[in-house]
Amino acid sequence: MIAFEQIDPFVKFWQEDRTYHLDVRELLDNGGEPYEVIMSCVLQIDADDRLVLHAPFEPKPLIRQLRGMGLQAHSARVDVDHWTLAVSRD
């Protein structure tokens, strides 16, 4: 279970069963840095959880870092300026 503390009004967070969505597109559009909030959620992922990050680009350095931590990280392009990154432990 991911416990999310809303610290920025430009970050959207919602849950669908054991899938947690974190949308940082608006934060990035407004010049914010999402790394801290992303990693806060990533570190809380349980074995049955999945975190889906929504971003305006494919976060390749983050994908490498997450895989280096032993996590599964799979990106997909949804639209021209919308990518998702699904993160899980298995």
Protein backbone atom coordinates (compact mmCIF):
# COMPACT_ATOMS: atom_id res chain seq x y z
CA MET A 1 0.00 0.00 0.00
CA ILE A 2 1.27 3.44 -0.88
CA ALA A 3 0.49 6.27 1.50
CA PHE A 4 0.62 9.50 -0.47
CA GLU A 5 0.93 12.90 1.15
CA GLN A 6 -0.26 15.68 -1.18
CA ILE A 7 2.59 18.17 -1.06
CA ASP A 8 2.14 19.86 -4.41
CA PRO A 9 -1.15 20.89 -6.03
CA PHE A 10 0.31 20.09 -9.47
CA VAL A 11 0.71 16.37 -8.64
CA LYS A 12 -2.25 14.05 -9.19
CA PHE A 13 -2.54 10.75 -7.29
CA TRP A 14 -5.27 8.11 -7.43
CA GLN A 15 -5.73 4.43 -6.71
CA GLU A 16 -7.46 1.58 -8.57
CA ASP A 17 -7.30 -1.55 -6.42
CA ARG A 18 -3.55 -2.23 -5.97
CA THR A 19 -2.53 0.07 -8.82
CA TYR A 20 -1.48 3.56 -7.79
CA HIS A 21 -1.26 6.37 -10.33
CA LEU A 22 1.08 9.33 -9.96
CA ASP A 23 0.71 12.04 -12.60
CA VAL A 24 3.56 14.56 -12.61
CA ARG A 25 2.91 16.13 -16.02
CA GLU A 26 1.41 19.34 -14.65
CA LEU A 27 4.21 19.65 -12.08
CA LEU A 28 6.84 19.40 -14.82
CA ASP A 29 4.92 21.87 -17.01
CA ASN A 30 5.13 24.36 -14.14
CA GLY A 31 8.88 23.94 -13.63
CA GLY A 32 8.68 21.56 -10.66
CA GLU A 33 10.95 18.60 -9.90
CA PRO A 34 9.06 15.32 -9.32
CA TYR A 35 11.96 13.05 -8.33
CA GLU A 36 11.38 13.20 -4.57
CA VAL A 37 7.66 12.43 -4.74
CA ILE A 38 8.25 9.65 -7.29
CA MET A 39 10.89 7.96 -5.14
CA SER A 40 8.74 8.34 -2.02
CA CYS A 41 6.02 6.30 -3.75
CA VAL A 42 8.46 3.82 -5.32
CA LEU A 43 9.99 2.96 -1.95
CA GLN A 44 6.52 2.05 -0.60
CA ILE A 45 5.62 -0.46 -3.32
CA ASP A 46 4.58 -3.80 -1.84
CA ALA A 47 4.83 -7.10 -3.71
CA ASP A 48 1.21 -6.86 -4.96
CA ASP A 49 1.33 -3.14 -5.79
CA ARG A 50 1.91 -1.42 -9.08
CA LEU A 51 2.79 2.25 -9.46
CA VAL A 52 1.97 3.90 -12.78
CA LEU A 53 3.81 7.15 -13.35
CA HIS A 54 2.34 9.57 -15.90
CA ALA A 55 4.92 11.90 -17.50
CA PRO A 56 5.27 14.04 -20.63
CA PHE A 57 8.32 12.06 -21.81
CA GLU A 58 9.93 8.65 -21.36
CA PRO A 59 12.01 8.89 -18.15
CA LYS A 60 14.93 6.73 -19.31
CA PRO A 61 17.36 7.62 -16.46
CA LEU A 62 14.64 6.81 -13.91
CA ILE A 63 13.93 3.49 -15.64
CA ARG A 64 17.61 2.53 -15.39
CA GLN A 65 17.70 3.51 -11.72
CA LEU A 66 14.56 1.53 -10.87
CA ARG A 67 15.81 -1.57 -12.68
CA GLY A 68 19.11 -1.17 -10.83
CA MET A 69 17.08 -1.31 -7.61
CA GLY A 70 15.67 -4.69 -8.70
CA LEU A 71 12.27 -3.34 -9.73
CA GLN A 72 10.36 -3.98 -12.93
CA ALA A 73 9.88 -0.78 -14.96
CA HIS A 74 8.04 -0.75 -18.28
CA SER A 75 7.28 2.41 -20.26
CA ALA A 76 4.61 3.00 -22.89
CA ARG A 77 3.73 5.97 -25.04
CA VAL A 78 0.08 6.96 -24.62
CA ASP A 79 0.11 10.14 -26.71
CA VAL A 80 2.57 12.69 -28.11
CA ASP A 81 3.25 14.20 -24.68
CA HIS A 82 2.00 11.41 -22.40
CA TRP A 83 4.06 8.42 -21.31
CA THR A 84 3.35 5.90 -18.58
CA LEU A 85 5.90 3.99 -16.56
CA ALA A 86 4.60 0.93 -14.72
CA VAL A 87 6.73 -0.01 -11.71
CA SER A 88 6.41 -3.20 -9.66
CA ARG A 89 8.45 -5.60 -7.57
CA ASP A 90 7.82 -8.69 -9.72
